[in-house]
mmCIF file of all heavy atoms, coordinates in Angstrom:
data_MODEL
# 
_entry.id   MODEL 
# 
loop_
_atom_site.group_PDB 
_atom_site.id 
_atom_site.type_symbol 
_atom_site.label_atom_id 
_atom_site.label_alt_id 
_atom_site.label_comp_id 
_atom_site.label_asym_id 
_atom_site.label_entity_id 
_atom_site.label_seq_id 
_atom_site.pdbx_PDB_ins_code 
_atom_site.Cartn_x 
_atom_site.Cartn_y 
_atom_site.Cartn_z 
_atom_site.occupancy 
_atom_site.B_iso_or_equiv 
_atom_site.pdbx_formal_charge 
_atom_site.auth_seq_id 
_atom_site.auth_comp_id 
_atom_site.auth_asym_id 
_atom_site.auth_atom_id 
_atom_site.pdbx_PDB_model_num 
ATOM 1   N N   . ALA A 1 1  ? -7.582  -0.954 3.605   1.00 0.00 ? 1  ALA A N   1 
ATOM 2   C CA  . ALA A 1 1  ? -7.070  -1.335 4.927   1.00 0.00 ? 1  ALA A CA  1 
ATOM 3   C C   . ALA A 1 1  ? -6.519  -0.123 5.657   1.00 0.00 ? 1  ALA A C   1 
ATOM 4   O O   . ALA A 1 1  ? -6.717  0.030  6.878   1.00 0.00 ? 1  ALA A O   1 
ATOM 5   C CB  . ALA A 1 1  ? -5.989  -2.409 4.772   1.00 0.00 ? 1  ALA A CB  1 
ATOM 6   N N   . TYR A 1 2  ? -5.845  0.750  4.926   1.00 0.00 ? 2  TYR A N   1 
ATOM 7   C CA  . TYR A 1 2  ? -5.310  1.961  5.556   1.00 0.00 ? 2  TYR A CA  1 
ATOM 8   C C   . TYR A 1 2  ? -6.446  2.839  6.070   1.00 0.00 ? 2  TYR A C   1 
ATOM 9   O O   . TYR A 1 2  ? -6.374  3.380  7.182   1.00 0.00 ? 2  TYR A O   1 
ATOM 10  C CB  . TYR A 1 2  ? -4.445  2.748  4.574   1.00 0.00 ? 2  TYR A CB  1 
ATOM 11  C CG  . TYR A 1 2  ? -3.896  4.020  5.185   1.00 0.00 ? 2  TYR A CG  1 
ATOM 12  C CD1 . TYR A 1 2  ? -2.690  4.008  5.894   1.00 0.00 ? 2  TYR A CD1 1 
ATOM 13  C CD2 . TYR A 1 2  ? -4.606  5.215  5.100   1.00 0.00 ? 2  TYR A CD2 1 
ATOM 14  C CE1 . TYR A 1 2  ? -2.212  5.162  6.490   1.00 0.00 ? 2  TYR A CE1 1 
ATOM 15  C CE2 . TYR A 1 2  ? -4.132  6.367  5.694   1.00 0.00 ? 2  TYR A CE2 1 
ATOM 16  C CZ  . TYR A 1 2  ? -2.930  6.337  6.389   1.00 0.00 ? 2  TYR A CZ  1 
ATOM 17  O OH  . TYR A 1 2  ? -2.472  7.489  6.995   1.00 0.00 ? 2  TYR A OH  1 
ATOM 18  N N   . ALA A 1 3  ? -7.495  3.005  5.267   1.00 0.00 ? 3  ALA A N   1 
ATOM 19  C CA  . ALA A 1 3  ? -8.613  3.854  5.672   1.00 0.00 ? 3  ALA A CA  1 
ATOM 20  C C   . ALA A 1 3  ? -9.334  3.287  6.890   1.00 0.00 ? 3  ALA A C   1 
ATOM 21  O O   . ALA A 1 3  ? -9.830  4.038  7.740   1.00 0.00 ? 3  ALA A O   1 
ATOM 22  C CB  . ALA A 1 3  ? -9.594  4.009  4.505   1.00 0.00 ? 3  ALA A CB  1 
ATOM 23  N N   . THR A 1 4  ? -9.402  1.959  6.980   1.00 0.00 ? 4  THR A N   1 
ATOM 24  C CA  . THR A 1 4  ? -10.078 1.322  8.107   1.00 0.00 ? 4  THR A CA  1 
ATOM 25  C C   . THR A 1 4  ? -9.304  1.496  9.409   1.00 0.00 ? 4  THR A C   1 
ATOM 26  O O   . THR A 1 4  ? -9.873  1.855  10.452  1.00 0.00 ? 4  THR A O   1 
ATOM 27  C CB  . THR A 1 4  ? -10.273 -0.184 7.826   1.00 0.00 ? 4  THR A CB  1 
ATOM 28  O OG1 . THR A 1 4  ? -11.051 -0.343 6.638   1.00 0.00 ? 4  THR A OG1 1 
ATOM 29  C CG2 . THR A 1 4  ? -10.963 -0.875 8.999   1.00 0.00 ? 4  THR A CG2 1 
ATOM 30  N N   . ARG A 1 5  ? -7.985  1.281  9.323   1.00 0.00 ? 5  ARG A N   1 
ATOM 31  C CA  . ARG A 1 5  ? -7.153  1.421  10.528  1.00 0.00 ? 5  ARG A CA  1 
ATOM 32  C C   . ARG A 1 5  ? -5.735  1.770  10.102  1.00 0.00 ? 5  ARG A C   1 
ATOM 33  O O   . ARG A 1 5  ? -4.958  0.877  9.755   1.00 0.00 ? 5  ARG A O   1 
ATOM 34  C CB  . ARG A 1 5  ? -7.156  0.132  11.346  1.00 0.00 ? 5  ARG A CB  1 
ATOM 35  C CG  . ARG A 1 5  ? -6.517  0.318  12.728  1.00 0.00 ? 5  ARG A CG  1 
ATOM 36  C CD  . ARG A 1 5  ? -6.536  -0.965 13.530  1.00 0.00 ? 5  ARG A CD  1 
ATOM 37  N NE  . ARG A 1 5  ? -6.105  -0.731 14.892  1.00 0.00 ? 5  ARG A NE  1 
ATOM 38  C CZ  . ARG A 1 5  ? -5.832  -1.674 15.778  1.00 0.00 ? 5  ARG A CZ  1 
ATOM 39  N NH1 . ARG A 1 5  ? -5.965  -2.954 15.423  1.00 0.00 ? 5  ARG A NH1 1 
ATOM 40  N NH2 . ARG A 1 5  ? -5.446  -1.373 16.997  1.00 0.00 ? 5  ARG A NH2 1 
ATOM 41  N N   . PRO A 1 6  ? -5.375  3.043  10.116  1.00 0.00 ? 6  PRO A N   1 
ATOM 42  C CA  . PRO A 1 6  ? -4.042  3.447  9.665   1.00 0.00 ? 6  PRO A CA  1 
ATOM 43  C C   . PRO A 1 6  ? -2.943  2.744  10.459  1.00 0.00 ? 6  PRO A C   1 
ATOM 44  O O   . PRO A 1 6  ? -2.986  2.719  11.697  1.00 0.00 ? 6  PRO A O   1 
ATOM 45  C CB  . PRO A 1 6  ? -4.030  4.963  9.919   1.00 0.00 ? 6  PRO A CB  1 
ATOM 46  C CG  . PRO A 1 6  ? -5.468  5.355  9.891   1.00 0.00 ? 6  PRO A CG  1 
ATOM 47  C CD  . PRO A 1 6  ? -6.203  4.192  10.492  1.00 0.00 ? 6  PRO A CD  1 
ATOM 48  N N   . PRO A 1 7  ? -1.976  2.160  9.780   1.00 0.00 ? 7  PRO A N   1 
ATOM 49  C CA  . PRO A 1 7  ? -0.872  1.474  10.473  1.00 0.00 ? 7  PRO A CA  1 
ATOM 50  C C   . PRO A 1 7  ? 0.212   2.462  10.882  1.00 0.00 ? 7  PRO A C   1 
ATOM 51  O O   . PRO A 1 7  ? 0.189   3.644  10.513  1.00 0.00 ? 7  PRO A O   1 
ATOM 52  C CB  . PRO A 1 7  ? -0.362  0.513  9.398   1.00 0.00 ? 7  PRO A CB  1 
ATOM 53  C CG  . PRO A 1 7  ? -0.592  1.264  8.116   1.00 0.00 ? 7  PRO A CG  1 
ATOM 54  C CD  . PRO A 1 7  ? -1.884  2.024  8.314   1.00 0.00 ? 7  PRO A CD  1 
ATOM 55  N N   . ASP A 1 8  ? 1.166   1.960  11.641  1.00 0.00 ? 8  ASP A N   1 
ATOM 56  C CA  . ASP A 1 8  ? 2.327   2.760  12.027  1.00 0.00 ? 8  ASP A CA  1 
ATOM 57  C C   . ASP A 1 8  ? 3.435   2.682  10.981  1.00 0.00 ? 8  ASP A C   1 
ATOM 58  O O   . ASP A 1 8  ? 4.308   3.544  10.938  1.00 0.00 ? 8  ASP A O   1 
ATOM 59  C CB  . ASP A 1 8  ? 2.880   2.272  13.373  1.00 0.00 ? 8  ASP A CB  1 
ATOM 60  C CG  . ASP A 1 8  ? 1.864   2.425  14.493  1.00 0.00 ? 8  ASP A CG  1 
ATOM 61  O OD1 . ASP A 1 8  ? 1.375   3.545  14.683  1.00 0.00 ? 8  ASP A OD1 1 
ATOM 62  O OD2 . ASP A 1 8  ? 1.541   1.415  15.148  1.00 0.00 ? 8  ASP A OD2 1 
ATOM 63  N N   . LEU A 1 9  ? 3.377   1.644  10.127  1.00 0.00 ? 9  LEU A N   1 
ATOM 64  C CA  . LEU A 1 9  ? 4.382   1.464  9.087   1.00 0.00 ? 9  LEU A CA  1 
ATOM 65  C C   . LEU A 1 9  ? 3.786   0.624  7.968   1.00 0.00 ? 9  LEU A C   1 
ATOM 66  O O   . LEU A 1 9  ? 2.995   -0.295 8.232   1.00 0.00 ? 9  LEU A O   1 
ATOM 67  C CB  . LEU A 1 9  ? 5.647   0.798  9.643   1.00 0.00 ? 9  LEU A CB  1 
ATOM 68  C CG  . LEU A 1 9  ? 6.802   0.570  8.660   1.00 0.00 ? 9  LEU A CG  1 
ATOM 69  C CD1 . LEU A 1 9  ? 8.152   0.822  9.338   1.00 0.00 ? 9  LEU A CD1 1 
ATOM 70  C CD2 . LEU A 1 9  ? 6.785   -0.858 8.123   1.00 0.00 ? 9  LEU A CD2 1 
ATOM 71  N N   . LEU A 1 10 ? 4.185   0.933  6.735   1.00 0.00 ? 10 LEU A N   1 
ATOM 72  C CA  . LEU A 1 10 ? 3.690   0.212  5.561   1.00 0.00 ? 10 LEU A CA  1 
ATOM 73  C C   . LEU A 1 10 ? 4.850   -0.524 4.905   1.00 0.00 ? 10 LEU A C   1 
ATOM 74  O O   . LEU A 1 10 ? 5.865   0.083  4.553   1.00 0.00 ? 10 LEU A O   1 
ATOM 75  C CB  . LEU A 1 10 ? 3.072   1.210  4.581   1.00 0.00 ? 10 LEU A CB  1 
ATOM 76  C CG  . LEU A 1 10 ? 2.528   0.678  3.257   1.00 0.00 ? 10 LEU A CG  1 
ATOM 77  C CD1 . LEU A 1 10 ? 1.384   -0.307 3.502   1.00 0.00 ? 10 LEU A CD1 1 
ATOM 78  C CD2 . LEU A 1 10 ? 2.046   1.839  2.391   1.00 0.00 ? 10 LEU A CD2 1 
ATOM 79  N N   . VAL A 1 11 ? 4.711   -1.841 4.737   1.00 0.00 ? 11 VAL A N   1 
ATOM 80  C CA  . VAL A 1 11 ? 5.649   -2.658 3.970   1.00 0.00 ? 11 VAL A CA  1 
ATOM 81  C C   . VAL A 1 11 ? 4.972   -2.930 2.638   1.00 0.00 ? 11 VAL A C   1 
ATOM 82  O O   . VAL A 1 11 ? 3.968   -3.645 2.577   1.00 0.00 ? 11 VAL A O   1 
ATOM 83  C CB  . VAL A 1 11 ? 5.988   -3.971 4.691   1.00 0.00 ? 11 VAL A CB  1 
ATOM 84  C CG1 . VAL A 1 11 ? 6.968   -4.802 3.868   1.00 0.00 ? 11 VAL A CG1 1 
ATOM 85  C CG2 . VAL A 1 11 ? 6.581   -3.683 6.074   1.00 0.00 ? 11 VAL A CG2 1 
ATOM 86  N N   . LEU A 1 12 ? 5.514   -2.367 1.549   1.00 0.00 ? 12 LEU A N   1 
ATOM 87  C CA  . LEU A 1 12 ? 4.771   -2.280 0.298   1.00 0.00 ? 12 LEU A CA  1 
ATOM 88  C C   . LEU A 1 12 ? 5.566   -2.846 -0.870  1.00 0.00 ? 12 LEU A C   1 
ATOM 89  O O   . LEU A 1 12 ? 6.640   -2.341 -1.222  1.00 0.00 ? 12 LEU A O   1 
ATOM 90  C CB  . LEU A 1 12 ? 4.431   -0.807 0.041   1.00 0.00 ? 12 LEU A CB  1 
ATOM 91  C CG  . LEU A 1 12 ? 3.655   -0.444 -1.209  1.00 0.00 ? 12 LEU A CG  1 
ATOM 92  C CD1 . LEU A 1 12 ? 2.292   -1.138 -1.225  1.00 0.00 ? 12 LEU A CD1 1 
ATOM 93  C CD2 . LEU A 1 12 ? 3.464   1.071  -1.272  1.00 0.00 ? 12 LEU A CD2 1 
ATOM 94  N N   . ASP A 1 13 ? 5.027   -3.898 -1.495  1.00 0.00 ? 13 ASP A N   1 
ATOM 95  C CA  . ASP A 1 13 ? 5.639   -4.450 -2.698  1.00 0.00 ? 13 ASP A CA  1 
ATOM 96  C C   . ASP A 1 13 ? 5.397   -3.491 -3.865  1.00 0.00 ? 13 ASP A C   1 
ATOM 97  O O   . ASP A 1 13 ? 4.311   -2.903 -3.978  1.00 0.00 ? 13 ASP A O   1 
ATOM 98  C CB  . ASP A 1 13 ? 5.023   -5.822 -3.004  1.00 0.00 ? 13 ASP A CB  1 
ATOM 99  C CG  . ASP A 1 13 ? 5.785   -6.577 -4.082  1.00 0.00 ? 13 ASP A CG  1 
ATOM 100 O OD1 . ASP A 1 13 ? 6.956   -6.236 -4.326  1.00 0.00 ? 13 ASP A OD1 1 
ATOM 101 O OD2 . ASP A 1 13 ? 5.209   -7.498 -4.673  1.00 0.00 ? 13 ASP A OD2 1 
ATOM 102 N N   . VAL A 1 14 ? 6.386   -3.329 -4.720  1.00 0.00 ? 14 VAL A N   1 
ATOM 103 C CA  . VAL A 1 14 ? 6.235   -2.419 -5.860  1.00 0.00 ? 14 VAL A CA  1 
ATOM 104 C C   . VAL A 1 14 ? 5.299   -3.002 -6.909  1.00 0.00 ? 14 VAL A C   1 
ATOM 105 O O   . VAL A 1 14 ? 4.410   -2.325 -7.432  1.00 0.00 ? 14 VAL A O   1 
ATOM 106 C CB  . VAL A 1 14 ? 7.610   -2.102 -6.488  1.00 0.00 ? 14 VAL A CB  1 
ATOM 107 C CG1 . VAL A 1 14 ? 7.442   -1.340 -7.800  1.00 0.00 ? 14 VAL A CG1 1 
ATOM 108 C CG2 . VAL A 1 14 ? 8.464   -1.283 -5.517  1.00 0.00 ? 14 VAL A CG2 1 
ATOM 109 N N   . MET A 1 15 ? 5.482   -4.285 -7.254  1.00 0.00 ? 15 MET A N   1 
ATOM 110 C CA  . MET A 1 15 ? 4.699   -4.911 -8.322  1.00 0.00 ? 15 MET A CA  1 
ATOM 111 C C   . MET A 1 15 ? 3.438   -5.543 -7.733  1.00 0.00 ? 15 MET A C   1 
ATOM 112 O O   . MET A 1 15 ? 3.499   -6.560 -7.045  1.00 0.00 ? 15 MET A O   1 
ATOM 113 C CB  . MET A 1 15 ? 5.545   -5.965 -9.037  1.00 0.00 ? 15 MET A CB  1 
ATOM 114 C CG  . MET A 1 15 ? 6.818   -5.406 -9.654  1.00 0.00 ? 15 MET A CG  1 
ATOM 115 S SD  . MET A 1 15 ? 6.498   -4.129 -10.889 1.00 0.00 ? 15 MET A SD  1 
ATOM 116 C CE  . MET A 1 15 ? 5.676   -5.111 -12.148 1.00 0.00 ? 15 MET A CE  1 
ATOM 117 N N   . LEU A 1 16 ? 2.289   -4.930 -8.024  1.00 0.00 ? 16 LEU A N   1 
ATOM 118 C CA  . LEU A 1 16 ? 1.005   -5.414 -7.542  1.00 0.00 ? 16 LEU A CA  1 
ATOM 119 C C   . LEU A 1 16 ? 0.077   -5.638 -8.735  1.00 0.00 ? 16 LEU A C   1 
ATOM 120 O O   . LEU A 1 16 ? 0.252   -5.013 -9.787  1.00 0.00 ? 16 LEU A O   1 
ATOM 121 C CB  . LEU A 1 16 ? 0.393   -4.404 -6.563  1.00 0.00 ? 16 LEU A CB  1 
ATOM 122 C CG  . LEU A 1 16 ? 1.186   -4.167 -5.270  1.00 0.00 ? 16 LEU A CG  1 
ATOM 123 C CD1 . LEU A 1 16 ? 0.589   -3.005 -4.498  1.00 0.00 ? 16 LEU A CD1 1 
ATOM 124 C CD2 . LEU A 1 16 ? 1.206   -5.431 -4.412  1.00 0.00 ? 16 LEU A CD2 1 
ATOM 125 N N   . PRO A 1 17 ? -0.927  -6.498 -8.594  1.00 0.00 ? 17 PRO A N   1 
ATOM 126 C CA  . PRO A 1 17 ? -1.743  -6.867 -9.754  1.00 0.00 ? 17 PRO A CA  1 
ATOM 127 C C   . PRO A 1 17 ? -2.641  -5.749 -10.267 1.00 0.00 ? 17 PRO A C   1 
ATOM 128 O O   . PRO A 1 17 ? -2.921  -5.675 -11.466 1.00 0.00 ? 17 PRO A O   1 
ATOM 129 C CB  . PRO A 1 17 ? -2.573  -8.056 -9.244  1.00 0.00 ? 17 PRO A CB  1 
ATOM 130 C CG  . PRO A 1 17 ? -2.600  -7.887 -7.760  1.00 0.00 ? 17 PRO A CG  1 
ATOM 131 C CD  . PRO A 1 17 ? -1.268  -7.292 -7.406  1.00 0.00 ? 17 PRO A CD  1 
ATOM 132 N N   . ASP A 1 18 ? -3.128  -4.872 -9.398  1.00 0.00 ? 18 ASP A N   1 
ATOM 133 C CA  . ASP A 1 18 ? -4.083  -3.862 -9.841  1.00 0.00 ? 18 ASP A CA  1 
ATOM 134 C C   . ASP A 1 18 ? -3.467  -2.482 -10.033 1.00 0.00 ? 18 ASP A C   1 
ATOM 135 O O   . ASP A 1 18 ? -3.868  -1.723 -10.911 1.00 0.00 ? 18 ASP A O   1 
ATOM 136 C CB  . ASP A 1 18 ? -5.258  -3.774 -8.874  1.00 0.00 ? 18 ASP A CB  1 
ATOM 137 C CG  . ASP A 1 18 ? -4.805  -3.622 -7.421  1.00 0.00 ? 18 ASP A CG  1 
ATOM 138 O OD1 . ASP A 1 18 ? -3.588  -3.694 -7.151  1.00 0.00 ? 18 ASP A OD1 1 
ATOM 139 O OD2 . ASP A 1 18 ? -5.683  -3.424 -6.558  1.00 0.00 ? 18 ASP A OD2 1 
ATOM 140 N N   . THR A 1 19 ? -2.503  -2.143 -9.218  1.00 0.00 ? 19 THR A N   1 
ATOM 141 C CA  . THR A 1 19 ? -1.796  -0.863 -9.333  1.00 0.00 ? 19 THR A CA  1 
ATOM 142 C C   . THR A 1 19 ? -0.441  -1.029 -8.679  1.00 0.00 ? 19 THR A C   1 
ATOM 143 O O   . THR A 1 19 ? -0.284  -1.866 -7.797  1.00 0.00 ? 19 THR A O   1 
ATOM 144 C CB  . THR A 1 19 ? -2.593  0.277  -8.672  1.00 0.00 ? 19 THR A CB  1 
ATOM 145 O OG1 . THR A 1 19 ? -1.933  1.522  -8.902  1.00 0.00 ? 19 THR A OG1 1 
ATOM 146 C CG2 . THR A 1 19 ? -2.707  0.054  -7.171  1.00 0.00 ? 19 THR A CG2 1 
ATOM 147 N N   . ASP A 1 20 ? 0.540   -0.266 -9.120  1.00 0.00 ? 20 ASP A N   1 
ATOM 148 C CA  . ASP A 1 20 ? 1.870   -0.482 -8.553  1.00 0.00 ? 20 ASP A CA  1 
ATOM 149 C C   . ASP A 1 20 ? 1.997   0.205  -7.195  1.00 0.00 ? 20 ASP A C   1 
ATOM 150 O O   . ASP A 1 20 ? 1.217   1.099  -6.844  1.00 0.00 ? 20 ASP A O   1 
ATOM 151 C CB  . ASP A 1 20 ? 2.960   0.007  -9.507  1.00 0.00 ? 20 ASP A CB  1 
ATOM 152 C CG  . ASP A 1 20 ? 2.881   1.493  -9.781  1.00 0.00 ? 20 ASP A CG  1 
ATOM 153 O OD1 . ASP A 1 20 ? 3.183   2.279  -8.875  1.00 0.00 ? 20 ASP A OD1 1 
ATOM 154 O OD2 . ASP A 1 20 ? 2.515   1.868  -10.910 1.00 0.00 ? 20 ASP A OD2 1 
ATOM 155 N N   . GLY A 1 21 ? 2.999   -0.234 -6.446  1.00 0.00 ? 21 GLY A N   1 
ATOM 156 C CA  . GLY A 1 21 ? 3.212   0.302  -5.116  1.00 0.00 ? 21 GLY A CA  1 
ATOM 157 C C   . GLY A 1 21 ? 3.522   1.787  -5.112  1.00 0.00 ? 21 GLY A C   1 
ATOM 158 O O   . GLY A 1 21 ? 3.177   2.503  -4.159  1.00 0.00 ? 21 GLY A O   1 
ATOM 159 N N   . PHE A 1 22 ? 4.192   2.278  -6.159  1.00 0.00 ? 22 PHE A N   1 
ATOM 160 C CA  . PHE A 1 22 ? 4.478   3.705  -6.248  1.00 0.00 ? 22 PHE A CA  1 
ATOM 161 C C   . PHE A 1 22 ? 3.177   4.513  -6.217  1.00 0.00 ? 22 PHE A C   1 
ATOM 162 O O   . PHE A 1 22 ? 3.083   5.537  -5.537  1.00 0.00 ? 22 PHE A O   1 
ATOM 163 C CB  . PHE A 1 22 ? 5.243   4.020  -7.539  1.00 0.00 ? 22 PHE A CB  1 
ATOM 164 C CG  . PHE A 1 22 ? 6.621   3.436  -7.596  1.00 0.00 ? 22 PHE A CG  1 
ATOM 165 C CD1 . PHE A 1 22 ? 7.176   3.090  -8.823  1.00 0.00 ? 22 PHE A CD1 1 
ATOM 166 C CD2 . PHE A 1 22 ? 7.371   3.219  -6.451  1.00 0.00 ? 22 PHE A CD2 1 
ATOM 167 C CE1 . PHE A 1 22 ? 8.459   2.558  -8.901  1.00 0.00 ? 22 PHE A CE1 1 
ATOM 168 C CE2 . PHE A 1 22 ? 8.645   2.678  -6.512  1.00 0.00 ? 22 PHE A CE2 1 
ATOM 169 C CZ  . PHE A 1 22 ? 9.193   2.345  -7.739  1.00 0.00 ? 22 PHE A CZ  1 
ATOM 170 N N   . THR A 1 23 ? 2.182   4.053  -6.972  1.00 0.00 ? 23 THR A N   1 
ATOM 171 C CA  . THR A 1 23 ? 0.905   4.771  -7.031  1.00 0.00 ? 23 THR A CA  1 
ATOM 172 C C   . THR A 1 23 ? 0.189   4.727  -5.691  1.00 0.00 ? 23 THR A C   1 
ATOM 173 O O   . THR A 1 23 ? -0.384  5.728  -5.239  1.00 0.00 ? 23 THR A O   1 
ATOM 174 C CB  . THR A 1 23 ? 0.005   4.169  -8.129  1.00 0.00 ? 23 THR A CB  1 
ATOM 175 O OG1 . THR A 1 23 ? 0.689   4.257  -9.381  1.00 0.00 ? 23 THR A OG1 1 
ATOM 176 C CG2 . THR A 1 23 ? -1.311  4.911  -8.220  1.00 0.00 ? 23 THR A CG2 1 
ATOM 177 N N   . VAL A 1 24 ? 0.210   3.569  -5.031  1.00 0.00 ? 24 VAL A N   1 
ATOM 178 C CA  . VAL A 1 24 ? -0.393  3.447  -3.705  1.00 0.00 ? 24 VAL A CA  1 
ATOM 179 C C   . VAL A 1 24 ? 0.250   4.438  -2.744  1.00 0.00 ? 24 VAL A C   1 
ATOM 180 O O   . VAL A 1 24 ? -0.441  5.177  -2.007  1.00 0.00 ? 24 VAL A O   1 
ATOM 181 C CB  . VAL A 1 24 ? -0.242  2.013  -3.160  1.00 0.00 ? 24 VAL A CB  1 
ATOM 182 C CG1 . VAL A 1 24 ? -0.708  1.929  -1.707  1.00 0.00 ? 24 VAL A CG1 1 
ATOM 183 C CG2 . VAL A 1 24 ? -1.026  1.030  -4.024  1.00 0.00 ? 24 VAL A CG2 1 
ATOM 184 N N   . CYS A 1 25 ? 1.566   4.497  -2.759  1.00 0.00 ? 25 CYS A N   1 
ATOM 185 C CA  . CYS A 1 25 ? 2.290   5.399  -1.867  1.00 0.00 ? 25 CYS A CA  1 
ATOM 186 C C   . CYS A 1 25 ? 1.940   6.851  -2.170  1.00 0.00 ? 25 CYS A C   1 
ATOM 187 O O   . CYS A 1 25 ? 1.689   7.646  -1.260  1.00 0.00 ? 25 CYS A O   1 
ATOM 188 C CB  . CYS A 1 25 ? 3.789   5.150  -2.022  1.00 0.00 ? 25 CYS A CB  1 
ATOM 189 S SG  . CYS A 1 25 ? 4.807   6.030  -0.815  1.00 0.00 ? 25 CYS A SG  1 
# 
């Protein structure tokens, strides 16, 4: 989603099913 259209702000949960939010960040 970020690659398709970068947002102005990211609201990111830490615990995700495939990878944690820290890694995404």
